[in-house]
Structure formats: structure tokens, C-alpha cells
Amino acid sequence: MASTLNFNVFTAPEKPLVGDRPRPFGDTMAWDPMTSTLIYGESDAVLVDTLTTEAEAEALAAWVALHHRNLTTIYITHGHLDHFAGVSVLKRHFPTARCVAAPGAVELARKQQVAFYRKLLPGRLPAVIPLPDPYNDEVLTLEGHELRIIQQGHTDAADSTSLYVPSLDLVVAGDVLYNQCHQYVAGLTPENLANWLAALDRLAALNPKVAVAGHKKPGAADTPEAIEWTKRYLTDFARLREETSGDAELFGAMTKQYPGWAAPQAWLMFGLA
């Protein structure tokens, strides 16, 4: 008989980046606040994503240890470095845990420009940043329960995935979903926008009771309403990009549309779309 599963969410606050902002507007550059999710049964646990800096990953490892479970698996939702940079720290604390990701996510992880991130966060990233191993199955298992991998295509990253845990009515969405955070929309094309909206509809069709965003404002509830918020943000961005003249006006329009949302300067890391 399968045990009962539970979950907890760890949220790391936004962190400042080194360097001048690449536009004459917005605040000093900073990285969005972000999440890791621990799904656990009576004895074992699965961790989703590992955060970015050495300090964040150490704090995450200590938090995982408080649950007194055997961490069997670390699952990486997609290949952006901020979601897997902490793997070596977690592996140091939990050496028997495997770290896996869908093959497409591993390929994107392989292409990440680690030196660029080290310039943004000097001395703060782990010395070693290993890649996750490719995982070709569609399901992870935890004490008799399925954790289903949902292939989401290109959202804020190529080959994104989400996890669905039917026994908890839970989706751990990765960066398909944002929760009261300005979204990474650099390079957003009409094709990517359509796919991202379809990915969000895919999550909504599961009718989850809980939806954990890859990036969320600290203290925000993990509500499935964030699915509609993310869709609205994307469509507002696409509309205002057509209605405004230049990046500064677009930036002002979006921050006015979404006052109080975390990390408006997230756009500025790589330039606006």
C-alpha cells in the first residue's frame, strides 16, 4: 500500500547582481526570487530544483535535512543554470541522491554560459556545477506514487517541464509558471508565446489544488490562480510591446500594470524582448 505524500516549498529571495544595469531605467539588476519543492513520503523524498548560489543551496540542504527523509532524487525542471547550479552542494549533503532531468533540459543545461553567471554573481556560485543525468521516462515514483513529467516545450526556456503529482493535486510547474514576479520574456516570439500559453492551459486542465511556480514573490500562496496571472502577464506584455515606443516606455507600462510584483528588473539581465 502506498504511503501518504506531503510537500513543502522553499523560497529564496531575490538577490542583487553585479554590474551596471544595461538600460537607463529600472532598479539595480537582481535575480528573481525562486523556489525548490520537496515532495516526501514516510521514508523517502524527491527535491525539485536546487537554486543558484552556494549559500542558497546550503540553506536548502539544511532545510531538506530537517524533514528526516532519505533524499532519493533531485529533479531539474529545465536547463537554466539558476535551477541546477546548487546540485553539487545538495549532492555533498545527500551523496546517494541521483540528479536527473529530461534529455532536452540536459542539453540546454550543457549550453549555459557558466562564466557569464560567475561575473553576475562573483564568488557566490558553487565551484563545481555538474549537469543532471538524462532521464528518459515520463514518470518518477515515490513510495508507490507517480510524479508525472509534463513536457512543456519552449516557455521561458527551451524544453521546459513541469511535475504533476496526482495524489496531492499538485503541480510543480518550474518556470512555466510565475507567481507575482515579473517574468523572463527576453526573446519572446509569437510562436513561443503561443506555446507558453498552451503549456499553462495544460496545467489548468489538471485542475490542481496547488501550483508551485519556479519564481514567486516570497510569502505568496501557491495558488492555481497563478496560472491565469501568468497568462495575463504574457498577453499584456505582447499587447504593450506593440502599443509602446521603446524599451523604457514598455518597462514603465508593465511595472504600472503590475505594481508590487517582485523583480521588475529581471527583464534587464539580458535586455528586453
Protein backbone atom coordinates (compact mmCIF):
# COMPACT_ATOMS: atom_id res chain seq x y z
CA MET A 1 0.00 0.00 0.00
CA ALA A 2 1.34 3.43 -0.97
CA SER A 3 2.14 5.84 1.85
CA THR A 4 0.70 9.34 2.10
CA LEU A 5 2.72 12.04 0.40
CA ASN A 6 3.31 15.59 1.59
CA PHE A 7 5.25 18.54 0.22
CA ASN A 8 6.93 21.75 1.33
CA VAL A 9 8.18 24.73 -0.67
CA PHE A 10 11.44 26.62 -0.01
CA THR A 11 11.59 30.18 -1.36
CA ALA A 12 14.87 32.03 -1.83
CA PRO A 13 14.53 35.84 -2.01
CA GLU A 14 15.75 37.88 -4.95
CA LYS A 15 19.46 38.65 -4.92
CA PRO A 16 21.41 41.58 -6.39
CA LEU A 17 23.67 41.08 -9.36
CA VAL A 18 27.00 42.75 -10.01
CA GLY A 19 27.25 45.19 -12.91
CA ASP A 20 25.55 48.27 -14.24
CA ARG A 21 22.01 47.96 -15.48
CA PRO A 22 22.07 47.72 -19.29
CA ARG A 23 19.24 50.26 -19.64
CA PRO A 24 18.90 53.78 -18.13
CA PHE A 25 15.77 52.77 -16.22
CA GLY A 26 14.68 50.27 -13.61
CA ASP A 27 16.38 49.33 -10.37
CA THR A 28 19.78 47.75 -9.90
CA MET A 29 19.81 44.33 -11.51
CA ALA A 30 18.61 41.45 -9.38
CA TRP A 31 17.61 37.83 -9.81
CA ASP A 32 14.02 36.78 -9.30
CA PRO A 33 13.10 35.04 -6.04
CA MET A 34 12.79 31.33 -6.75
CA THR A 35 11.58 28.05 -5.31
CA SER A 36 12.57 24.47 -4.60
CA THR A 37 9.92 21.91 -3.68
CA LEU A 38 10.37 18.81 -1.52
CA ILE A 39 7.86 16.01 -2.07
CA TYR A 40 8.12 13.35 0.62
CA GLY A 41 6.56 10.19 1.97
CA GLU A 42 7.15 8.23 5.16
CA SER A 43 10.81 7.50 4.40
CA ASP A 44 11.91 8.95 1.05
CA ALA A 45 11.81 12.30 -0.73
CA VAL A 46 12.25 13.96 -4.12
CA LEU A 47 13.58 17.52 -4.45
CA VAL A 48 12.63 19.67 -7.42
CA ASP A 49 15.33 22.21 -8.45
CA THR A 50 18.34 23.28 -6.37
CA LEU A 51 18.58 27.09 -6.50
CA THR A 52 21.61 29.06 -7.62
CA THR A 53 24.25 30.19 -5.14
CA GLU A 54 26.37 28.22 -2.70
CA ALA A 55 24.65 29.92 0.26
CA GLU A 56 21.17 29.24 -1.10
CA ALA A 57 21.97 25.61 -1.74
CA GLU A 58 23.46 25.18 1.74
CA ALA A 59 20.33 26.66 3.27
CA LEU A 60 18.21 24.41 1.08
CA ALA A 61 20.19 21.32 2.12
CA ALA A 62 19.76 22.18 5.80
CA TRP A 63 16.02 22.64 5.25
CA VAL A 64 15.75 19.29 3.46
CA ALA A 65 17.62 17.62 6.34
CA LEU A 66 15.02 18.91 8.79
CA HIS A 67 12.47 16.62 7.14
CA HIS A 68 14.45 13.50 8.15
CA ARG A 69 13.82 11.71 4.88
CA ASN A 70 16.08 9.81 2.50
CA LEU A 71 16.54 12.09 -0.50
CA THR A 72 16.48 9.65 -3.42
CA THR A 73 16.14 12.01 -6.38
CA ILE A 74 16.80 15.60 -7.38
CA TYR A 75 14.72 16.55 -10.40
CA ILE A 76 15.61 19.60 -12.51
CA THR A 77 12.67 21.15 -14.36
CA HIS A 78 14.64 22.86 -17.13
CA GLY A 79 18.14 23.80 -18.20
CA HIS A 80 18.53 27.37 -16.93
CA LEU A 81 21.55 27.46 -14.64
CA ASP A 82 19.74 29.10 -11.72
CA HIS A 83 17.74 25.88 -11.26
CA PHE A 84 20.63 23.41 -11.18
CA ALA A 85 23.74 25.32 -10.04
CA GLY A 86 23.28 24.07 -6.47
CA VAL A 87 23.40 20.37 -7.39
CA SER A 88 26.95 19.77 -6.11
CA VAL A 89 26.05 21.23 -2.71
CA LEU A 90 22.97 19.03 -2.38
CA LYS A 91 24.98 16.00 -3.50
CA ARG A 92 27.60 16.74 -0.86
CA HIS A 93 24.94 16.53 1.81
CA PHE A 94 22.95 13.72 0.17
CA PRO A 95 25.54 11.69 -1.76
CA THR A 96 23.21 8.80 -2.68
CA ALA A 97 20.64 11.04 -4.37
CA ARG A 98 20.56 10.90 -8.14
CA CYS A 99 20.09 14.13 -10.10
CA VAL A 100 18.06 13.84 -13.31
CA ALA A 101 16.30 15.95 -15.91
CA ALA A 102 14.56 15.36 -19.21
CA PRO A 103 17.06 14.98 -22.08
CA GLY A 104 16.16 18.32 -23.65
CA ALA A 105 16.69 20.09 -20.34
CA VAL A 106 20.11 18.47 -20.01
CA GLU A 107 21.09 19.74 -23.47
CA LEU A 108 20.08 23.28 -22.57
CA ALA A 109 22.00 22.98 -19.28
CA ARG A 110 25.07 21.94 -21.26
CA LYS A 111 24.86 25.21 -23.25
CA GLN A 112 24.67 27.52 -20.25
CA GLN A 113 27.41 30.16 -20.13
CA VAL A 114 28.67 29.50 -16.62
CA ALA A 115 31.41 32.14 -16.88
CA PHE A 116 28.78 34.79 -17.58
CA TYR A 117 26.81 33.82 -14.47
CA ARG A 118 30.01 33.89 -12.40
CA LYS A 119 30.51 37.53 -13.48
CA LEU A 120 26.98 38.38 -12.34
CA LEU A 121 27.40 36.53 -9.04
CA PRO A 122 31.17 36.66 -8.33
CA GLY A 123 32.31 34.22 -5.66
CA ARG A 124 28.76 33.09 -4.95
CA LEU A 125 28.24 30.12 -7.25
CA PRO A 126 29.46 26.64 -6.28
CA ALA A 127 32.94 25.83 -7.55
CA VAL A 128 31.64 22.75 -9.36
CA ILE A 129 28.38 22.75 -11.31
CA PRO A 130 27.65 19.26 -12.64
CA LEU A 131 24.95 18.53 -15.19
CA PRO A 132 21.95 16.39 -14.30
CA ASP A 133 21.74 12.96 -15.89
CA PRO A 134 19.24 12.46 -18.75
CA TYR A 135 16.03 10.77 -17.64
CA ASN A 136 14.02 9.26 -20.46
CA ASP A 137 10.94 8.01 -18.64
CA GLU A 138 7.74 10.01 -18.23
CA VAL A 139 7.21 9.19 -14.55
CA LEU A 140 9.21 9.34 -11.32
CA THR A 141 7.97 7.19 -8.45
CA LEU A 142 7.99 7.93 -4.74
CA GLU A 143 6.76 5.29 -2.31
CA GLY A 144 4.27 3.91 -4.81
CA HIS A 145 3.07 7.31 -6.08
CA GLU A 146 3.55 8.74 -9.55
CA LEU A 147 5.26 12.05 -10.18
CA ARG A 148 4.42 12.62 -13.82
CA ILE A 149 6.75 14.63 -16.04
CA ILE A 150 4.90 17.03 -18.35
CA GLN A 151 6.84 18.07 -21.44
CA GLN A 152 6.05 21.75 -21.95
CA GLY A 153 8.26 22.81 -24.87
CA HIS A 154 9.55 26.38 -25.05
CA THR A 155 8.23 28.64 -22.29
CA ASP A 156 10.83 30.89 -20.63
CA ALA A 157 13.36 28.23 -21.68
CA ALA A 158 13.53 25.57 -24.34
CA ASP A 159 12.43 22.06 -23.38
CA SER A 160 10.75 23.07 -20.15
CA THR A 161 8.99 20.51 -17.98
CA SER A 162 6.59 20.50 -15.04
CA LEU A 163 5.79 17.79 -12.50
CA TYR A 164 2.26 16.65 -11.68
CA VAL A 165 1.57 14.66 -8.51
CA PRO A 166 -1.99 13.32 -8.78
CA SER A 167 -2.20 12.08 -5.19
CA LEU A 168 -1.55 15.63 -3.95
CA ASP A 169 -3.43 17.52 -6.69
CA LEU A 170 -0.10 19.32 -7.03
CA VAL A 171 1.79 20.78 -9.97
CA VAL A 172 5.39 21.86 -9.53
CA ALA A 173 5.50 23.96 -12.64
CA GLY A 174 9.08 25.14 -12.96
CA ASP A 175 9.40 28.34 -14.96
CA VAL A 176 6.26 27.62 -16.94
CA LEU A 177 4.62 29.42 -14.02
CA TYR A 178 5.47 32.68 -12.24
CA ASN A 179 3.67 33.92 -9.14
CA GLN A 180 3.62 37.69 -8.56
CA CYS A 181 7.05 38.02 -10.20
CA HIS A 182 7.90 39.84 -13.38
CA GLN A 183 8.63 37.18 -15.96
CA TYR A 184 11.68 36.50 -18.07
CA VAL A 185 10.38 37.50 -21.51
CA ALA A 186 13.60 38.38 -23.35
CA GLY A 187 13.42 36.92 -26.82
CA LEU A 188 9.71 36.10 -26.58
CA THR A 189 8.39 35.36 -30.08
CA PRO A 190 4.78 34.88 -31.20
CA GLU A 191 5.49 31.16 -31.55
CA ASN A 192 6.98 30.90 -28.05
CA LEU A 193 4.10 32.93 -26.63
CA ALA A 194 1.55 30.58 -28.16
CA ASN A 195 3.39 27.55 -26.81
CA TRP A 196 3.74 29.10 -23.33
CA LEU A 197 0.02 29.85 -23.19
CA ALA A 198 -0.73 26.27 -24.30
CA ALA A 199 1.59 24.95 -21.56
CA LEU A 200 -0.32 26.97 -18.96
CA ASP A 201 -3.62 25.61 -20.31
CA ARG A 202 -2.15 22.14 -19.92
CA LEU A 203 -1.56 22.84 -16.23
CA ALA A 204 -5.02 24.34 -15.77
CA ALA A 205 -6.62 21.25 -17.33
CA LEU A 206 -5.20 19.18 -14.46
CA ASN A 207 -7.34 21.26 -12.07
CA PRO A 208 -4.64 21.28 -9.36
CA LYS A 209 -5.34 22.42 -5.83
CA VAL A 210 -1.76 23.66 -5.50
CA ALA A 211 0.53 25.13 -8.18
CA VAL A 212 4.14 25.95 -7.31
CA ALA A 213 5.83 28.49 -9.56
CA GLY A 214 9.53 28.34 -10.37
CA HIS A 215 9.75 32.00 -9.41
CA LYS A 216 7.40 33.57 -6.89
CA LYS A 217 7.23 36.55 -4.57
CA PRO A 218 8.18 35.47 -1.02
CA GLY A 219 5.06 34.86 1.02
CA ALA A 220 2.80 34.36 -1.98
CA ALA A 221 0.43 31.40 -1.71
CA ASP A 222 0.96 28.50 -4.12
CA THR A 223 -2.45 29.05 -5.65
CA PRO A 224 -3.55 27.72 -9.04
CA GLU A 225 -4.79 31.25 -9.75
CA ALA A 226 -1.16 31.96 -10.65
CA ILE A 227 -1.78 30.06 -13.89
CA GLU A 228 -4.20 32.75 -15.05
CA TRP A 229 -1.97 35.51 -13.68
CA THR A 230 0.93 34.21 -15.77
CA LYS A 231 -1.24 34.01 -18.89
CA ARG A 232 -2.49 37.55 -18.35
CA TYR A 233 1.04 38.86 -17.85
CA LEU A 234 2.20 37.29 -21.10
CA THR A 235 -0.71 38.63 -23.12
CA ASP A 236 -0.34 42.08 -21.54
CA PHE A 237 3.35 42.09 -22.41
CA ALA A 238 2.65 41.11 -26.02
CA ARG A 239 -0.01 43.81 -26.33
CA LEU A 240 2.01 46.57 -24.67
CA ARG A 241 5.08 45.73 -26.71
CA GLU A 242 3.04 46.69 -29.78
CA GLU A 243 1.45 49.76 -28.16
CA THR A 244 4.58 51.36 -26.68
CA SER A 245 7.60 53.06 -28.23
CA GLY A 246 10.86 51.63 -26.98
CA ASP A 247 12.06 49.61 -24.03
CA ALA A 248 11.75 52.33 -21.40
CA GLU A 249 8.11 53.01 -22.19
CA LEU A 250 7.35 49.29 -22.24
CA PHE A 251 9.11 48.83 -18.91
CA GLY A 252 7.09 51.66 -17.39
CA ALA A 253 3.81 50.32 -18.75
CA MET A 254 4.38 46.83 -17.39
CA THR A 255 5.52 47.98 -13.95
CA LYS A 256 2.45 50.23 -13.79
CA GLN A 257 0.24 47.31 -14.82
CA TYR A 258 1.79 45.04 -12.16
CA PRO A 259 2.67 47.20 -9.15
CA GLY A 260 4.23 45.38 -6.24
CA TRP A 261 5.29 42.37 -8.26
CA ALA A 262 8.81 41.16 -7.48
CA ALA A 263 11.93 41.83 -9.56
CA PRO A 264 10.76 44.14 -12.36
CA GLN A 265 14.42 44.44 -13.33
CA ALA A 266 14.51 40.75 -14.28
CA TRP A 267 13.99 41.84 -17.88
CA LEU A 268 17.21 43.82 -17.73
CA MET A 269 19.59 40.90 -17.28
CA PHE A 270 19.73 40.15 -20.98
CA GLY A 271 17.86 43.08 -22.49
CA LEU A 272 14.18 43.37 -23.29
CA ALA A 273 12.46 41.36 -25.96
